N, C-alpha and C. Protein backbone atom coordinates (compact mmCIF):
# COMPACT_ATOMS: atom_id res chain seq x y z
N MET A 1 -61.31 -10.19 -8.69
CA MET A 1 -60.29 -9.51 -8.37
C MET A 1 -58.89 -9.32 -9.05
N ALA A 2 -58.82 -8.21 -9.82
CA ALA A 2 -57.41 -8.26 -10.57
C ALA A 2 -56.37 -8.03 -9.81
N GLU A 3 -55.16 -8.87 -10.37
CA GLU A 3 -54.10 -8.54 -9.34
C GLU A 3 -53.27 -6.99 -9.20
N ASN A 4 -52.94 -7.33 -8.50
CA ASN A 4 -51.75 -5.88 -8.59
C ASN A 4 -51.26 -5.22 -9.84
N LEU A 5 -51.17 -3.91 -10.18
CA LEU A 5 -50.42 -3.28 -10.80
C LEU A 5 -49.10 -2.76 -10.76
N TYR A 6 -47.99 -3.26 -11.30
CA TYR A 6 -46.77 -3.41 -10.07
C TYR A 6 -46.11 -2.37 -11.78
N LEU A 7 -45.94 -0.88 -10.95
CA LEU A 7 -44.91 -0.66 -11.64
C LEU A 7 -43.83 -0.70 -11.87
N VAL A 8 -42.62 -1.35 -13.01
CA VAL A 8 -41.28 -1.31 -12.92
C VAL A 8 -40.47 -0.04 -13.83
N THR A 9 -40.06 0.69 -12.40
CA THR A 9 -39.08 1.52 -13.29
C THR A 9 -37.51 0.73 -14.17
N GLY A 10 -37.54 1.30 -15.17
CA GLY A 10 -36.45 0.52 -15.87
C GLY A 10 -36.50 -0.99 -16.29
N GLY A 11 -37.95 -0.72 -16.54
CA GLY A 11 -38.32 -2.40 -17.63
C GLY A 11 -37.86 -2.33 -18.35
N SER A 12 -36.82 -1.88 -19.53
CA SER A 12 -36.75 -2.48 -20.68
C SER A 12 -34.90 -2.78 -20.16
N GLY A 13 -34.11 -2.30 -18.92
CA GLY A 13 -33.07 -2.98 -18.89
C GLY A 13 -32.79 -4.38 -18.41
N PHE A 14 -31.69 -4.60 -18.30
CA PHE A 14 -31.70 -6.30 -18.07
C PHE A 14 -32.21 -6.34 -16.49
N LEU A 15 -32.16 -5.66 -15.44
CA LEU A 15 -33.00 -6.38 -14.46
C LEU A 15 -34.06 -5.89 -14.22
N GLY A 16 -34.83 -5.08 -15.31
CA GLY A 16 -36.06 -4.78 -15.75
C GLY A 16 -37.30 -5.14 -15.94
N ILE A 17 -36.72 -5.91 -16.91
CA ILE A 17 -36.99 -7.16 -18.11
C ILE A 17 -36.82 -8.89 -17.76
N ASN A 18 -36.25 -8.42 -16.70
CA ASN A 18 -36.11 -10.22 -15.67
C ASN A 18 -37.60 -10.10 -14.96
N LEU A 19 -37.59 -8.85 -14.04
CA LEU A 19 -38.65 -8.64 -13.33
C LEU A 19 -39.92 -8.49 -13.47
N CYS A 20 -39.63 -8.00 -14.85
CA CYS A 20 -41.50 -7.96 -15.69
C CYS A 20 -41.96 -9.12 -15.87
N ARG A 21 -40.55 -9.60 -16.28
CA ARG A 21 -41.24 -10.96 -16.79
C ARG A 21 -41.18 -12.72 -15.53
N PHE A 22 -40.76 -12.37 -14.29
CA PHE A 22 -41.42 -12.91 -13.35
C PHE A 22 -42.73 -12.40 -12.45
N LEU A 23 -43.00 -11.39 -12.88
CA LEU A 23 -43.88 -11.05 -12.22
C LEU A 23 -45.32 -11.35 -12.99
N LEU A 24 -45.23 -11.05 -14.57
CA LEU A 24 -46.21 -11.77 -15.26
C LEU A 24 -46.37 -13.74 -15.05
N ALA A 25 -45.47 -14.29 -14.51
CA ALA A 25 -45.26 -15.68 -14.61
C ALA A 25 -45.96 -15.74 -13.35
N ARG A 26 -46.18 -14.54 -12.46
CA ARG A 26 -46.91 -15.32 -11.54
C ARG A 26 -48.37 -14.55 -11.27
N GLY A 27 -48.67 -14.18 -12.74
CA GLY A 27 -50.12 -13.39 -12.87
C GLY A 27 -50.02 -12.26 -12.83
N PHE A 28 -48.92 -11.30 -12.40
CA PHE A 28 -49.53 -10.01 -12.22
C PHE A 28 -49.37 -9.00 -13.44
N ARG A 29 -50.42 -7.95 -12.91
CA ARG A 29 -50.39 -7.26 -14.18
C ARG A 29 -48.78 -6.22 -13.92
N VAL A 30 -48.72 -5.89 -15.20
CA VAL A 30 -47.17 -4.97 -15.33
C VAL A 30 -46.96 -3.63 -16.15
N ARG A 31 -46.18 -3.01 -15.62
CA ARG A 31 -46.10 -1.45 -16.45
C ARG A 31 -44.68 -1.39 -16.40
N SER A 32 -44.07 -1.05 -17.25
CA SER A 32 -42.47 0.21 -17.30
C SER A 32 -42.59 0.63 -17.83
N LEU A 33 -41.79 1.67 -17.30
CA LEU A 33 -41.29 3.47 -17.15
C LEU A 33 -39.68 3.18 -18.03
N ASP A 34 -39.09 3.27 -18.73
CA ASP A 34 -38.39 3.71 -19.25
C ASP A 34 -37.83 4.31 -20.20
N ILE A 35 -36.68 5.44 -20.36
CA ILE A 35 -36.36 5.93 -21.65
C ILE A 35 -36.15 5.09 -22.75
N ALA A 36 -35.74 4.12 -22.14
CA ALA A 36 -35.49 3.28 -24.11
C ALA A 36 -36.81 2.39 -23.72
N PRO A 37 -37.02 2.28 -25.11
CA PRO A 37 -38.60 2.10 -25.64
C PRO A 37 -38.80 0.15 -25.34
N PHE A 38 -39.57 -0.42 -25.00
CA PHE A 38 -39.94 -1.45 -24.42
C PHE A 38 -39.86 -2.46 -25.56
N GLU A 39 -38.62 -3.26 -26.00
CA GLU A 39 -38.81 -4.05 -27.51
C GLU A 39 -38.10 -5.09 -26.85
N TYR A 40 -39.50 -6.29 -26.13
CA TYR A 40 -39.46 -7.57 -25.94
C TYR A 40 -40.65 -8.46 -26.34
N PRO A 41 -40.23 -9.68 -26.89
CA PRO A 41 -41.19 -10.36 -26.74
C PRO A 41 -42.28 -9.70 -26.32
N GLU A 42 -42.55 -9.78 -24.68
CA GLU A 42 -43.76 -9.60 -24.10
C GLU A 42 -44.56 -8.47 -23.95
N GLN A 43 -43.89 -7.14 -24.75
CA GLN A 43 -44.19 -5.98 -25.12
C GLN A 43 -46.18 -6.01 -25.58
N GLY A 44 -46.73 -6.99 -25.26
CA GLY A 44 -47.93 -7.06 -25.50
C GLY A 44 -48.83 -7.42 -24.15
N ALA A 45 -48.00 -7.67 -23.47
CA ALA A 45 -48.50 -7.85 -22.21
C ALA A 45 -47.38 -7.43 -20.66
N VAL A 46 -47.36 -6.48 -21.11
CA VAL A 46 -46.29 -5.56 -20.46
C VAL A 46 -46.90 -3.86 -21.08
N GLU A 47 -47.76 -3.23 -20.24
CA GLU A 47 -47.85 -1.61 -20.54
C GLU A 47 -46.33 -0.87 -20.47
N ALA A 48 -46.15 -0.14 -21.79
CA ALA A 48 -45.00 0.30 -21.40
C ALA A 48 -45.05 1.45 -21.35
N VAL A 49 -44.65 3.03 -20.89
CA VAL A 49 -44.63 3.92 -20.62
C VAL A 49 -42.77 4.36 -20.97
N LEU A 50 -43.08 5.49 -21.85
CA LEU A 50 -41.81 5.84 -22.23
C LEU A 50 -41.73 6.96 -21.59
N GLY A 51 -40.67 7.43 -20.49
CA GLY A 51 -40.00 8.90 -20.03
C GLY A 51 -39.26 8.37 -19.60
N ASP A 52 -38.86 9.44 -18.25
CA ASP A 52 -37.60 9.73 -17.36
C ASP A 52 -38.36 9.52 -16.39
N VAL A 53 -37.34 9.10 -15.12
CA VAL A 53 -37.45 9.23 -13.60
C VAL A 53 -37.69 10.44 -12.86
N ARG A 54 -36.94 11.28 -14.28
CA ARG A 54 -36.18 12.47 -13.22
C ARG A 54 -37.76 13.43 -14.09
N ASP A 55 -38.60 12.89 -14.76
CA ASP A 55 -39.15 14.05 -15.25
C ASP A 55 -40.87 13.71 -15.01
N GLN A 56 -41.12 14.52 -13.85
CA GLN A 56 -42.45 14.44 -13.11
C GLN A 56 -43.93 14.47 -14.05
N ALA A 57 -44.26 14.85 -15.46
CA ALA A 57 -45.14 14.21 -15.62
C ALA A 57 -45.35 12.73 -16.61
N ALA A 58 -44.17 12.27 -16.66
CA ALA A 58 -43.72 10.67 -16.83
C ALA A 58 -43.93 10.08 -15.68
N VAL A 59 -43.46 10.14 -14.44
CA VAL A 59 -43.91 9.81 -13.32
C VAL A 59 -45.16 9.78 -12.86
N ASP A 60 -45.67 10.70 -13.34
CA ASP A 60 -46.98 10.87 -12.62
C ASP A 60 -48.32 9.80 -13.34
N ALA A 61 -47.79 9.82 -15.05
CA ALA A 61 -48.76 9.48 -16.12
C ALA A 61 -48.14 7.46 -15.62
N ALA A 62 -47.32 7.68 -15.42
CA ALA A 62 -46.95 6.22 -14.69
C ALA A 62 -47.63 5.57 -13.90
N LEU A 63 -47.61 6.53 -12.56
CA LEU A 63 -47.65 5.88 -11.17
C LEU A 63 -49.29 5.82 -11.25
N GLU A 64 -50.10 6.40 -12.34
CA GLU A 64 -51.71 6.23 -12.41
C GLU A 64 -52.04 4.57 -12.18
N GLY A 65 -53.02 4.15 -11.00
CA GLY A 65 -53.38 3.11 -10.51
C GLY A 65 -52.66 1.99 -10.53
N VAL A 66 -51.55 2.90 -10.34
CA VAL A 66 -50.53 1.82 -9.84
C VAL A 66 -50.53 1.04 -8.24
N ASP A 67 -50.58 0.12 -8.22
CA ASP A 67 -50.48 -0.74 -6.38
C ASP A 67 -49.24 -1.17 -5.59
N ILE A 68 -48.25 -0.96 -6.51
CA ILE A 68 -46.88 -1.53 -6.61
C ILE A 68 -45.92 -0.83 -7.19
N VAL A 69 -44.65 -0.50 -7.02
CA VAL A 69 -43.93 0.06 -7.29
C VAL A 69 -42.18 -0.47 -7.15
N VAL A 70 -41.16 -1.31 -8.68
CA VAL A 70 -40.15 -1.79 -7.89
C VAL A 70 -39.47 -0.78 -8.65
N HIS A 71 -38.39 0.50 -8.45
CA HIS A 71 -37.66 1.40 -8.90
C HIS A 71 -35.89 0.56 -9.01
N CYS A 72 -36.53 0.31 -10.51
CA CYS A 72 -34.82 -0.23 -10.91
C CYS A 72 -34.28 0.82 -12.33
N ALA A 73 -34.94 1.47 -12.27
CA ALA A 73 -34.10 2.41 -13.13
C ALA A 73 -32.45 3.15 -12.76
N ALA A 74 -31.43 3.08 -13.09
CA ALA A 74 -30.48 3.72 -13.08
C ALA A 74 -29.80 4.14 -13.85
N LYS A 75 -28.19 4.85 -13.65
CA LYS A 75 -27.19 4.68 -14.90
C LYS A 75 -26.09 3.95 -14.34
N LEU A 76 -25.75 3.55 -15.56
CA LEU A 76 -24.51 2.42 -14.91
C LEU A 76 -22.98 3.67 -15.22
N PRO A 77 -22.37 2.88 -14.24
CA PRO A 77 -20.70 3.90 -14.60
C PRO A 77 -20.39 4.21 -15.00
N LEU A 78 -20.47 3.86 -16.53
CA LEU A 78 -20.31 3.64 -18.22
C LEU A 78 -20.42 5.39 -17.97
N CYS A 79 -21.68 6.03 -17.93
CA CYS A 79 -22.42 7.19 -17.95
C CYS A 79 -21.47 8.56 -17.03
N ASP A 80 -21.21 9.85 -17.53
CA ASP A 80 -20.50 10.44 -16.87
C ASP A 80 -21.81 10.57 -15.59
N ALA A 81 -20.72 11.15 -14.47
CA ALA A 81 -20.97 11.58 -12.91
C ALA A 81 -22.12 12.10 -13.06
N GLN A 82 -22.60 13.29 -13.36
CA GLN A 82 -24.07 14.10 -13.64
C GLN A 82 -24.92 13.31 -14.14
N GLU A 83 -24.98 12.53 -15.20
CA GLU A 83 -25.87 11.59 -15.69
C GLU A 83 -26.32 10.18 -14.45
N ILE A 84 -25.09 9.91 -13.70
CA ILE A 84 -25.39 8.94 -13.16
C ILE A 84 -26.43 9.78 -11.27
N PHE A 85 -26.34 11.18 -11.34
CA PHE A 85 -26.23 11.38 -10.29
C PHE A 85 -28.18 11.69 -10.45
N SER A 86 -27.63 12.44 -11.19
CA SER A 86 -30.04 12.92 -11.66
C SER A 86 -30.59 11.82 -11.68
N THR A 87 -29.68 10.68 -12.43
CA THR A 87 -30.75 10.14 -12.51
C THR A 87 -30.78 8.88 -11.25
N ASN A 88 -30.10 8.12 -10.43
CA ASN A 88 -29.97 7.58 -9.58
C ASN A 88 -30.17 8.41 -8.40
N VAL A 89 -29.40 9.63 -7.98
CA VAL A 89 -30.20 9.99 -6.62
C VAL A 89 -31.48 11.09 -7.34
N GLU A 90 -31.28 12.08 -8.06
CA GLU A 90 -32.72 12.61 -8.32
C GLU A 90 -34.08 12.14 -8.41
N GLY A 91 -34.00 10.78 -9.67
CA GLY A 91 -34.60 9.89 -10.15
C GLY A 91 -35.71 9.72 -8.95
N THR A 92 -34.90 8.86 -8.38
CA THR A 92 -35.34 8.17 -7.21
C THR A 92 -36.05 9.14 -6.05
N ARG A 93 -35.80 10.23 -5.67
CA ARG A 93 -36.49 11.29 -4.87
C ARG A 93 -37.16 11.76 -5.32
N LEU A 94 -37.53 11.98 -6.58
CA LEU A 94 -38.78 12.68 -7.30
C LEU A 94 -39.50 11.31 -7.45
N MET A 95 -39.42 9.94 -7.33
CA MET A 95 -40.25 8.59 -7.38
C MET A 95 -40.97 9.04 -6.26
N LEU A 96 -40.40 8.55 -5.34
CA LEU A 96 -40.24 8.27 -3.93
C LEU A 96 -41.36 9.55 -3.27
N GLU A 97 -40.99 10.92 -3.46
CA GLU A 97 -42.03 11.80 -3.32
C GLU A 97 -43.43 11.87 -4.09
N SER A 98 -43.17 11.28 -5.48
CA SER A 98 -44.35 11.30 -5.79
C SER A 98 -45.20 9.88 -5.52
N ILE A 99 -44.53 9.11 -4.69
CA ILE A 99 -45.46 7.60 -4.38
C ILE A 99 -46.09 8.02 -2.86
N HIS A 100 -45.73 9.53 -2.13
CA HIS A 100 -46.09 9.36 -0.97
C HIS A 100 -46.38 10.62 -1.08
N ARG A 101 -46.75 11.20 -1.97
CA ARG A 101 -47.78 12.77 -2.20
C ARG A 101 -49.10 12.02 -1.46
N PRO A 102 -49.52 12.75 -0.98
CA PRO A 102 -51.28 12.57 -0.20
C PRO A 102 -51.87 12.29 -1.28
N GLY A 103 -52.60 11.06 -0.75
CA GLY A 103 -54.13 10.31 -1.61
C GLY A 103 -53.28 9.30 -2.68
N ALA A 104 -52.00 9.16 -2.71
CA ALA A 104 -51.30 8.11 -3.07
C ALA A 104 -51.32 6.89 -2.90
N HIS A 105 -51.87 5.65 -2.75
CA HIS A 105 -52.40 4.63 -2.83
C HIS A 105 -51.37 3.34 -3.24
N VAL A 106 -49.47 3.49 -2.94
CA VAL A 106 -49.13 2.82 -3.62
C VAL A 106 -47.98 1.66 -2.32
N GLU A 107 -47.66 1.01 -2.51
CA GLU A 107 -46.56 -0.03 -2.20
C GLU A 107 -45.51 0.22 -2.61
N VAL A 108 -44.17 0.58 -1.71
CA VAL A 108 -42.67 0.51 -2.41
C VAL A 108 -42.14 -1.09 -1.84
N ALA A 109 -42.07 -1.49 -3.04
CA ALA A 109 -41.31 -2.84 -2.84
C ALA A 109 -39.75 -2.24 -2.51
N ARG A 110 -39.11 -3.53 -1.18
CA ARG A 110 -38.02 -3.02 -1.28
C ARG A 110 -37.50 -4.25 -0.47
N LYS A 111 -35.97 -4.51 -0.34
CA LYS A 111 -35.36 -5.58 -0.32
C LYS A 111 -34.83 -5.49 1.28
N ARG A 112 -35.47 -5.92 1.85
CA ARG A 112 -35.29 -6.21 3.83
C ARG A 112 -34.06 -6.96 3.94
N LYS A 113 -33.65 -6.19 4.58
CA LYS A 113 -32.47 -6.58 5.98
C LYS A 113 -32.26 -8.42 6.13
N SER A 114 -31.31 -8.87 5.70
CA SER A 114 -31.77 -10.47 5.94
C SER A 114 -31.60 -10.66 7.69
N GLU A 115 -32.03 -11.91 8.33
CA GLU A 115 -32.02 -11.46 9.44
C GLU A 115 -31.13 -13.01 10.07
């Protein structure tokens, strides 16, 4: 049986590439969704989808066949406020709505509060 397919949004960023490497090292299949090209030595092992978390078509394409989503895409404080809001809030909203549509079979990886 094939290992789960993880989608890492923001896979070309600092957090995303390190998560991709972590998952690959443990034998998982990895797909990245990012507006930046995936130009790392692991590009042969990571299926890169060039797209924006704010674009429904890109999100739908990236989610195809995915088992688990780890949403890391975000704009940093050096961007303007509207860009931060549209990516960090609206992009996250779009991603969550997409994975909770009827018929979607995706797990959401999230941090749990420590006891």
